[in-house]
């Protein structure tokens, strides 16, 4: 290979490496959104279980709070799956939805302290914080603002 051809090949190899890195990061982000959705749906079950818990009186305010929290978690969990699809497809609406869903998931995880496994709670918090941090990095935000991002359907 001549020196001129070698110099011309370097930018192409660098661009390919950046595209692969970006695709991997966004793929992981979409998977993280799906995992957050699964975690929220599972935790919704623990809040619905408040209604039938031995120490909670059926029809009490605490049982009502459990049902409301469970319902909110189901809604945010379903939105997390919509987010996973939008991130996977690099839709322009996915970035603002992602920030909103992850902040809501963080708030719900904090409010759920004491319900379910402490290890699962800690892992969920770590995943949500990492996902929010990654979403807020300028490079990822720019990927969804770029002209190349898919437009909403």
N, C-alpha and C. Protein backbone atom coordinates (compact mmCIF):
# COMPACT_ATOMS: atom_id res chain seq x y z
N UNK A 1 0.86 -1.16 0.00
CA UNK A 1 0.00 0.00 0.00
C UNK A 1 0.90 1.23 0.00
N UNK A 2 0.59 2.16 -0.84
CA UNK A 2 1.39 3.38 -0.90
C UNK A 2 1.06 4.26 0.29
N UNK A 3 1.94 5.21 0.55
CA UNK A 3 1.72 6.09 1.70
C UNK A 3 0.46 6.93 1.51
N UNK A 4 0.16 7.35 0.30
CA UNK A 4 -1.03 8.15 0.03
C UNK A 4 -2.29 7.33 0.30
N UNK A 5 -2.32 6.09 -0.13
CA UNK A 5 -3.47 5.22 0.10
C UNK A 5 -3.63 4.94 1.59
N UNK A 6 -2.52 4.79 2.31
CA UNK A 6 -2.57 4.52 3.74
C UNK A 6 -3.15 5.73 4.49
N UNK A 7 -2.74 6.92 4.11
CA UNK A 7 -3.25 8.14 4.74
C UNK A 7 -4.74 8.29 4.47
N UNK A 8 -5.19 7.96 3.25
CA UNK A 8 -6.60 8.05 2.92
C UNK A 8 -7.41 7.00 3.66
N UNK A 9 -6.85 5.86 3.97
CA UNK A 9 -7.57 4.78 4.65
C UNK A 9 -7.79 5.08 6.13
N UNK A 10 -6.89 5.85 6.75
CA UNK A 10 -7.01 6.15 8.19
C UNK A 10 -8.32 6.83 8.55
N UNK A 11 -8.75 7.91 7.86
CA UNK A 11 -10.02 8.54 8.23
C UNK A 11 -11.20 7.58 8.10
N UNK A 12 -11.18 6.74 7.09
CA UNK A 12 -12.27 5.78 6.90
C UNK A 12 -12.31 4.79 8.06
N UNK A 13 -11.16 4.28 8.46
CA UNK A 13 -11.11 3.35 9.58
C UNK A 13 -11.54 4.04 10.87
N UNK A 14 -11.15 5.29 11.06
CA UNK A 14 -11.53 6.04 12.26
C UNK A 14 -13.04 6.27 12.28
N UNK A 15 -13.62 6.65 11.14
CA UNK A 15 -15.07 6.87 11.07
C UNK A 15 -15.83 5.58 11.32
N UNK A 16 -15.34 4.46 10.81
CA UNK A 16 -15.99 3.17 11.03
C UNK A 16 -15.94 2.80 12.50
N UNK A 17 -14.82 3.04 13.15
CA UNK A 17 -14.69 2.74 14.58
C UNK A 17 -15.64 3.61 15.39
N UNK A 18 -15.79 4.89 15.03
CA UNK A 18 -16.72 5.76 15.75
C UNK A 18 -18.16 5.30 15.56
N UNK A 19 -18.52 4.91 14.35
CA UNK A 19 -19.89 4.46 14.08
C UNK A 19 -20.20 3.20 14.86
N UNK A 20 -19.23 2.28 14.94
CA UNK A 20 -19.44 1.04 15.70
C UNK A 20 -19.60 1.35 17.18
N UNK A 21 -18.76 2.26 17.71
CA UNK A 21 -18.85 2.63 19.11
C UNK A 21 -20.20 3.27 19.41
N UNK A 22 -20.64 4.17 18.55
CA UNK A 22 -21.91 4.84 18.73
C UNK A 22 -23.05 3.84 18.69
N UNK A 23 -23.02 2.94 17.73
CA UNK A 23 -24.08 1.95 17.62
C UNK A 23 -24.13 1.06 18.85
N UNK A 24 -22.98 0.68 19.37
CA UNK A 24 -22.94 -0.16 20.57
C UNK A 24 -23.53 0.58 21.76
N UNK A 25 -23.15 1.84 21.93
CA UNK A 25 -23.67 2.63 23.05
C UNK A 25 -25.18 2.80 22.97
N UNK A 26 -25.69 3.09 21.79
CA UNK A 26 -27.13 3.27 21.63
C UNK A 26 -27.88 1.95 21.78
N UNK A 27 -27.26 0.87 21.36
CA UNK A 27 -27.87 -0.44 21.56
C UNK A 27 -27.98 -0.75 23.04
N UNK A 28 -26.91 -0.48 23.78
CA UNK A 28 -26.93 -0.69 25.23
C UNK A 28 -27.95 0.22 25.90
N UNK A 29 -28.09 1.44 25.41
CA UNK A 29 -29.08 2.36 25.95
C UNK A 29 -30.50 1.83 25.75
N UNK A 30 -30.78 1.30 24.57
CA UNK A 30 -32.09 0.72 24.30
C UNK A 30 -32.34 -0.50 25.19
N UNK A 31 -31.33 -1.33 25.37
CA UNK A 31 -31.47 -2.48 26.26
C UNK A 31 -31.68 -2.05 27.70
N UNK A 32 -30.98 -1.00 28.13
CA UNK A 32 -31.16 -0.48 29.49
C UNK A 32 -32.59 0.01 29.69
N UNK A 33 -33.16 0.67 28.69
CA UNK A 33 -34.54 1.13 28.79
C UNK A 33 -35.49 -0.05 28.94
N UNK A 34 -35.25 -1.12 28.20
CA UNK A 34 -36.10 -2.32 28.32
C UNK A 34 -35.96 -2.95 29.71
N UNK A 35 -34.75 -3.00 30.24
CA UNK A 35 -34.54 -3.56 31.58
C UNK A 35 -35.23 -2.70 32.63
N UNK A 36 -35.16 -1.38 32.48
CA UNK A 36 -35.86 -0.48 33.40
C UNK A 36 -37.36 -0.74 33.33
N UNK A 37 -37.89 -0.96 32.14
CA UNK A 37 -39.32 -1.27 31.98
C UNK A 37 -39.69 -2.56 32.69
N UNK A 38 -38.86 -3.58 32.55
CA UNK A 38 -39.11 -4.85 33.23
C UNK A 38 -39.09 -4.67 34.74
N UNK A 39 -38.07 -3.94 35.23
CA UNK A 39 -37.96 -3.71 36.68
C UNK A 39 -39.18 -2.97 37.22
N UNK A 40 -39.65 -1.96 36.47
CA UNK A 40 -40.82 -1.21 36.92
C UNK A 40 -42.07 -2.08 36.95
N UNK A 41 -42.23 -2.94 35.97
CA UNK A 41 -43.40 -3.83 35.96
C UNK A 41 -43.33 -4.82 37.13
N UNK A 42 -42.14 -5.31 37.43
CA UNK A 42 -42.00 -6.22 38.57
C UNK A 42 -42.28 -5.50 39.89
N UNK A 43 -41.77 -4.28 40.02
CA UNK A 43 -42.03 -3.52 41.25
C UNK A 43 -43.48 -3.11 41.36
N UNK A 44 -44.14 -2.92 40.24
CA UNK A 44 -45.57 -2.62 40.28
C UNK A 44 -46.31 -3.76 40.98
N UNK A 45 -45.87 -4.98 40.72
CA UNK A 45 -46.47 -6.13 41.38
C UNK A 45 -46.31 -6.09 42.89
N UNK A 46 -45.16 -5.61 43.37
CA UNK A 46 -44.98 -5.52 44.83
C UNK A 46 -45.88 -4.44 45.41
N UNK A 47 -46.16 -3.39 44.67
CA UNK A 47 -47.07 -2.36 45.18
C UNK A 47 -48.51 -2.85 45.13
N UNK A 48 -48.88 -3.58 44.08
CA UNK A 48 -50.22 -4.14 44.05
C UNK A 48 -50.40 -5.16 45.17
N UNK A 49 -49.33 -5.81 45.55
CA UNK A 49 -49.39 -6.80 46.63
C UNK A 49 -49.70 -6.14 47.97
N UNK A 50 -49.48 -4.84 48.11
CA UNK A 50 -49.84 -4.14 49.34
C UNK A 50 -51.32 -4.33 49.67
N UNK A 51 -52.11 -4.40 48.62
CA UNK A 51 -53.56 -4.52 48.82
C UNK A 51 -53.90 -5.79 49.59
N UNK A 52 -53.16 -6.87 49.35
CA UNK A 52 -53.45 -8.13 50.01
C UNK A 52 -52.50 -8.47 51.14
N UNK A 53 -51.59 -7.54 51.50
CA UNK A 53 -50.62 -7.82 52.56
C UNK A 53 -51.32 -7.97 53.91
N UNK A 54 -50.77 -8.82 54.76
CA UNK A 54 -51.37 -9.10 56.06
C UNK A 54 -51.44 -7.87 56.96
N UNK A 55 -50.45 -6.97 56.85
CA UNK A 55 -50.41 -5.81 57.73
C UNK A 55 -51.09 -4.58 57.15
N UNK A 56 -51.72 -4.71 55.99
CA UNK A 56 -52.41 -3.59 55.35
C UNK A 56 -53.90 -3.91 55.32
N UNK A 57 -54.69 -3.01 55.84
CA UNK A 57 -56.13 -3.20 55.86
C UNK A 57 -56.69 -2.86 54.48
N UNK A 58 -57.46 -3.80 53.93
CA UNK A 58 -58.06 -3.56 52.62
C UNK A 58 -58.94 -2.32 52.69
N UNK A 59 -58.84 -1.46 51.70
CA UNK A 59 -59.62 -0.24 51.67
C UNK A 59 -58.99 0.92 52.43
N UNK A 60 -57.85 0.67 53.07
CA UNK A 60 -57.18 1.74 53.82
C UNK A 60 -56.45 2.69 52.87
N UNK A 61 -56.00 3.81 53.40
CA UNK A 61 -55.26 4.76 52.58
C UNK A 61 -53.96 4.15 52.07
N UNK A 62 -53.29 3.35 52.88
CA UNK A 62 -52.05 2.73 52.46
C UNK A 62 -52.28 1.75 51.31
N UNK A 63 -53.37 1.01 51.36
CA UNK A 63 -53.70 0.10 50.27
C UNK A 63 -54.00 0.90 48.99
N UNK A 64 -54.66 2.05 49.14
CA UNK A 64 -54.95 2.90 47.97
C UNK A 64 -53.65 3.46 47.38
N UNK A 65 -52.71 3.86 48.25
CA UNK A 65 -51.42 4.35 47.79
C UNK A 65 -50.69 3.24 47.02
N UNK A 66 -50.78 2.02 47.52
CA UNK A 66 -50.15 0.89 46.84
C UNK A 66 -50.70 0.67 45.45
N UNK A 67 -52.01 0.78 45.31
CA UNK A 67 -52.62 0.61 43.99
C UNK A 67 -52.23 1.74 43.05
N UNK A 68 -52.21 2.97 43.55
CA UNK A 68 -51.83 4.11 42.71
C UNK A 68 -50.37 4.00 42.29
N UNK A 69 -49.48 3.67 43.22
CA UNK A 69 -48.06 3.52 42.88
C UNK A 69 -47.87 2.39 41.87
N UNK A 70 -48.57 1.30 42.06
CA UNK A 70 -48.48 0.19 41.11
C UNK A 70 -48.93 0.60 39.72
N UNK A 71 -50.03 1.34 39.65
CA UNK A 71 -50.54 1.81 38.35
C UNK A 71 -49.55 2.76 37.68
N UNK A 72 -48.99 3.69 38.45
CA UNK A 72 -48.00 4.62 37.89
C UNK A 72 -46.80 3.84 37.37
N UNK A 73 -46.36 2.83 38.11
CA UNK A 73 -45.21 2.03 37.67
C UNK A 73 -45.51 1.26 36.39
N UNK A 74 -46.72 0.78 36.25
CA UNK A 74 -47.10 0.09 35.01
C UNK A 74 -47.04 1.06 33.84
N UNK A 75 -47.58 2.27 34.01
CA UNK A 75 -47.57 3.26 32.93
C UNK A 75 -46.14 3.63 32.55
N UNK A 76 -45.29 3.93 33.55
CA UNK A 76 -43.90 4.31 33.25
C UNK A 76 -43.14 3.11 32.67
N UNK A 77 -43.45 1.90 33.15
CA UNK A 77 -42.81 0.70 32.60
C UNK A 77 -43.14 0.50 31.12
N UNK A 78 -44.39 0.72 30.76
CA UNK A 78 -44.79 0.60 29.35
C UNK A 78 -44.11 1.70 28.52
N UNK A 79 -44.04 2.92 29.07
CA UNK A 79 -43.34 4.00 28.37
C UNK A 79 -41.85 3.67 28.19
N UNK A 80 -41.27 2.93 29.13
CA UNK A 80 -39.87 2.52 29.00
C UNK A 80 -39.70 1.59 27.80
N UNK A 81 -40.67 0.73 27.55
CA UNK A 81 -40.60 -0.14 26.36
C UNK A 81 -40.76 0.67 25.07
N UNK A 82 -41.64 1.68 25.09
CA UNK A 82 -41.77 2.57 23.93
C UNK A 82 -40.44 3.30 23.71
N UNK A 83 -39.83 3.73 24.81
CA UNK A 83 -38.54 4.39 24.74
C UNK A 83 -37.48 3.47 24.14
N UNK A 84 -37.45 2.22 24.58
CA UNK A 84 -36.47 1.26 24.05
C UNK A 84 -36.60 1.16 22.53
N UNK A 85 -37.83 1.12 22.04
CA UNK A 85 -38.06 1.08 20.59
C UNK A 85 -37.54 2.35 19.92
N UNK A 86 -37.87 3.51 20.49
CA UNK A 86 -37.43 4.77 19.92
C UNK A 86 -35.92 4.92 19.91
N UNK A 87 -35.26 4.45 20.97
CA UNK A 87 -33.81 4.50 21.02
C UNK A 87 -33.20 3.55 19.99
N UNK A 88 -33.78 2.39 19.86
CA UNK A 88 -33.30 1.40 18.90
C UNK A 88 -33.38 1.94 17.48
N UNK A 89 -34.48 2.64 17.18
CA UNK A 89 -34.71 3.19 15.85
C UNK A 89 -34.12 4.59 15.67
N UNK A 90 -33.53 5.14 16.72
CA UNK A 90 -32.93 6.48 16.73
C UNK A 90 -33.97 7.53 16.31
N UNK A 91 -35.14 7.46 16.93
CA UNK A 91 -36.21 8.42 16.65
C UNK A 91 -35.92 9.73 17.38
N UNK A 92 -36.27 10.84 16.77
CA UNK A 92 -35.97 12.14 17.37
C UNK A 92 -36.73 12.37 18.67
N UNK A 93 -37.89 11.76 18.85
CA UNK A 93 -38.67 11.91 20.07
C UNK A 93 -38.14 11.06 21.21
N UNK A 94 -37.21 10.17 20.95
CA UNK A 94 -36.73 9.24 21.98
C UNK A 94 -35.90 9.94 23.05
N UNK A 95 -35.13 10.96 22.68
CA UNK A 95 -34.27 11.60 23.67
C UNK A 95 -35.09 12.30 24.76
N UNK A 96 -36.04 13.20 24.43
CA UNK A 96 -36.81 13.83 25.51
C UNK A 96 -37.66 12.83 26.28
N UNK A 97 -38.21 11.84 25.59
CA UNK A 97 -38.96 10.81 26.29
C UNK A 97 -38.05 10.04 27.24
N UNK A 98 -36.83 9.76 26.78
CA UNK A 98 -35.88 9.03 27.61
C UNK A 98 -35.54 9.76 28.89
N UNK A 99 -35.29 11.04 28.78
CA UNK A 99 -34.97 11.83 29.98
C UNK A 99 -36.16 11.80 30.94
N UNK A 100 -37.36 12.01 30.43
CA UNK A 100 -38.56 12.01 31.28
C UNK A 100 -38.80 10.65 31.92
N UNK A 101 -38.71 9.58 31.14
CA UNK A 101 -38.97 8.24 31.66
C UNK A 101 -37.93 7.85 32.71
N UNK A 102 -36.67 8.14 32.45
CA UNK A 102 -35.63 7.75 33.40
C UNK A 102 -35.74 8.56 34.69
N UNK A 103 -36.08 9.84 34.60
CA UNK A 103 -36.28 10.62 35.83
C UNK A 103 -37.48 10.09 36.61
N UNK A 104 -38.56 9.76 35.90
CA UNK A 104 -39.73 9.17 36.57
C UNK A 104 -39.38 7.83 37.21
N UNK A 105 -38.61 7.02 36.49
CA UNK A 105 -38.21 5.71 37.03
C UNK A 105 -37.34 5.89 38.27
N UNK A 106 -36.44 6.86 38.23
CA UNK A 106 -35.60 7.15 39.41
C UNK A 106 -36.46 7.54 40.60
N UNK A 107 -37.41 8.43 40.39
CA UNK A 107 -38.30 8.86 41.47
C UNK A 107 -39.09 7.68 42.03
N UNK A 108 -39.61 6.85 41.14
CA UNK A 108 -40.38 5.69 41.59
C UNK A 108 -39.51 4.69 42.34
N UNK A 109 -38.28 4.52 41.89
CA UNK A 109 -37.37 3.60 42.57
C UNK A 109 -37.06 4.11 43.98
N UNK A 110 -36.84 5.40 44.11
CA UNK A 110 -36.58 5.97 45.43
C UNK A 110 -37.81 5.82 46.32
N UNK A 111 -38.99 6.07 45.78
CA UNK A 111 -40.22 5.92 46.56
C UNK A 111 -40.50 4.46 46.93
N UNK A 112 -39.94 3.52 46.20
CA UNK A 112 -40.17 2.11 46.48
C UNK A 112 -39.16 1.52 47.46
N UNK A 113 -38.32 2.34 48.03
CA UNK A 113 -37.32 1.82 48.97
C UNK A 113 -38.03 1.01 50.05
N UNK A 114 -37.51 -0.16 50.31
CA UNK A 114 -38.10 -1.04 51.31
C UNK A 114 -39.03 -2.09 50.74
N UNK A 115 -39.43 -1.95 49.49
CA UNK A 115 -40.28 -2.96 48.84
C UNK A 115 -39.38 -3.79 47.94
N UNK A 116 -39.46 -5.06 48.03
CA UNK A 116 -38.66 -5.94 47.18
C UNK A 116 -37.24 -6.10 47.70
N UNK A 117 -36.39 -6.65 46.89
CA UNK A 117 -35.01 -6.97 47.25
C UNK A 117 -34.14 -5.71 47.30
N UNK A 118 -33.36 -5.54 48.38
CA UNK A 118 -32.44 -4.40 48.43
C UNK A 118 -31.40 -4.44 47.30
N UNK A 119 -30.96 -5.62 46.91
CA UNK A 119 -29.98 -5.74 45.82
C UNK A 119 -30.61 -5.30 44.50
N UNK A 120 -31.82 -5.73 44.23
CA UNK A 120 -32.50 -5.33 42.99
C UNK A 120 -32.75 -3.82 42.99
N UNK A 121 -33.09 -3.28 44.15
CA UNK A 121 -33.31 -1.85 44.28
C UNK A 121 -32.02 -1.08 43.95
N UNK A 122 -30.91 -1.53 44.51
CA UNK A 122 -29.62 -0.87 44.27
C UNK A 122 -29.20 -0.98 42.81
N UNK A 123 -29.38 -2.16 42.22
CA UNK A 123 -29.03 -2.33 40.80
C UNK A 123 -29.89 -1.45 39.91
N UNK A 124 -31.15 -1.34 40.23
CA UNK A 124 -32.04 -0.50 39.44
C UNK A 124 -31.63 0.96 39.54
N UNK A 125 -31.32 1.41 40.75
CA UNK A 125 -30.86 2.80 40.91
C UNK A 125 -29.60 3.05 40.10
N UNK A 126 -28.66 2.13 40.16
CA UNK A 126 -27.40 2.28 39.43
C UNK A 126 -27.66 2.33 37.92
N UNK A 127 -28.52 1.46 37.42
CA UNK A 127 -28.84 1.43 35.98
C UNK A 127 -29.53 2.72 35.55
N UNK A 128 -30.45 3.20 36.37
CA UNK A 128 -31.17 4.43 36.01
C UNK A 128 -30.25 5.65 36.02
N UNK A 129 -29.39 5.74 37.02
CA UNK A 129 -28.45 6.87 37.08
C UNK A 129 -27.50 6.82 35.88
N UNK A 130 -26.97 5.63 35.58
CA UNK A 130 -26.05 5.50 34.45
C UNK A 130 -26.76 5.82 33.13
N UNK A 131 -28.00 5.38 32.98
CA UNK A 131 -28.76 5.66 31.76
C UNK A 131 -29.02 7.15 31.60
N UNK A 132 -29.40 7.82 32.69
CA UNK A 132 -29.64 9.26 32.63
C UNK A 132 -28.35 10.00 32.29
N UNK A 133 -27.26 9.62 32.93
CA UNK A 133 -25.97 10.26 32.64
C UNK A 133 -25.62 10.09 31.16
N UNK A 134 -25.78 8.89 30.64
CA UNK A 134 -25.42 8.63 29.24
C UNK A 134 -26.33 9.42 28.30
N UNK A 135 -27.62 9.47 28.61
CA UNK A 135 -28.55 10.24 27.77
C UNK A 135 -28.18 11.72 27.74
N UNK A 136 -27.66 12.23 28.85
CA UNK A 136 -27.35 13.65 28.95
C UNK A 136 -25.98 14.03 28.38
N UNK A 137 -25.20 13.04 27.95
CA UNK A 137 -23.91 13.39 27.35
C UNK A 137 -24.18 14.10 26.03
N UNK A 138 -23.38 15.12 25.72
CA UNK A 138 -23.62 15.89 24.50
C UNK A 138 -23.62 15.05 23.22
N UNK A 139 -22.75 14.06 23.15
CA UNK A 139 -22.66 13.24 21.93
C UNK A 139 -23.96 12.48 21.68
N UNK A 140 -24.56 11.94 22.74
CA UNK A 140 -25.81 11.19 22.58
C UNK A 140 -26.96 12.16 22.26
N UNK A 141 -27.01 13.27 22.97
CA UNK A 141 -28.05 14.26 22.69
C UNK A 141 -27.96 14.72 21.23
N UNK A 142 -26.75 14.96 20.75
CA UNK A 142 -26.55 15.38 19.36
C UNK A 142 -26.98 14.29 18.37
N UNK A 143 -26.81 13.04 18.74
CA UNK A 143 -27.20 11.95 17.84
C UNK A 143 -28.70 11.98 17.56
N UNK A 144 -29.49 12.43 18.54
CA UNK A 144 -30.94 12.49 18.35
C UNK A 144 -31.39 13.81 17.74
N UNK A 145 -30.53 14.83 17.79
CA UNK A 145 -30.86 16.11 17.17
C UNK A 145 -30.36 16.18 15.73
N UNK A 146 -29.48 15.29 15.36
CA UNK A 146 -28.88 15.33 14.04
C UNK A 146 -29.94 15.17 12.96
N UNK A 147 -29.64 15.73 11.82
CA UNK A 147 -30.56 15.60 10.69
C UNK A 147 -30.76 14.15 10.29
N UNK A 148 -29.78 13.31 10.58
CA UNK A 148 -29.86 11.91 10.21
C UNK A 148 -30.78 11.10 11.11
N UNK A 149 -31.20 11.68 12.25
CA UNK A 149 -32.10 10.95 13.14
C UNK A 149 -33.45 10.78 12.44
N UNK A 150 -34.05 9.64 12.69
CA UNK A 150 -35.33 9.35 12.06
C UNK A 150 -36.38 10.33 12.58
N UNK A 151 -37.31 10.71 11.75
CA UNK A 151 -38.36 11.62 12.15
C UNK A 151 -39.53 10.82 12.72
N UNK A 152 -40.32 11.45 13.57
CA UNK A 152 -41.48 10.75 14.12
C UNK A 152 -42.41 10.26 13.02
N UNK A 153 -43.07 9.17 13.31
CA UNK A 153 -43.99 8.60 12.31
C UNK A 153 -45.21 9.45 12.13
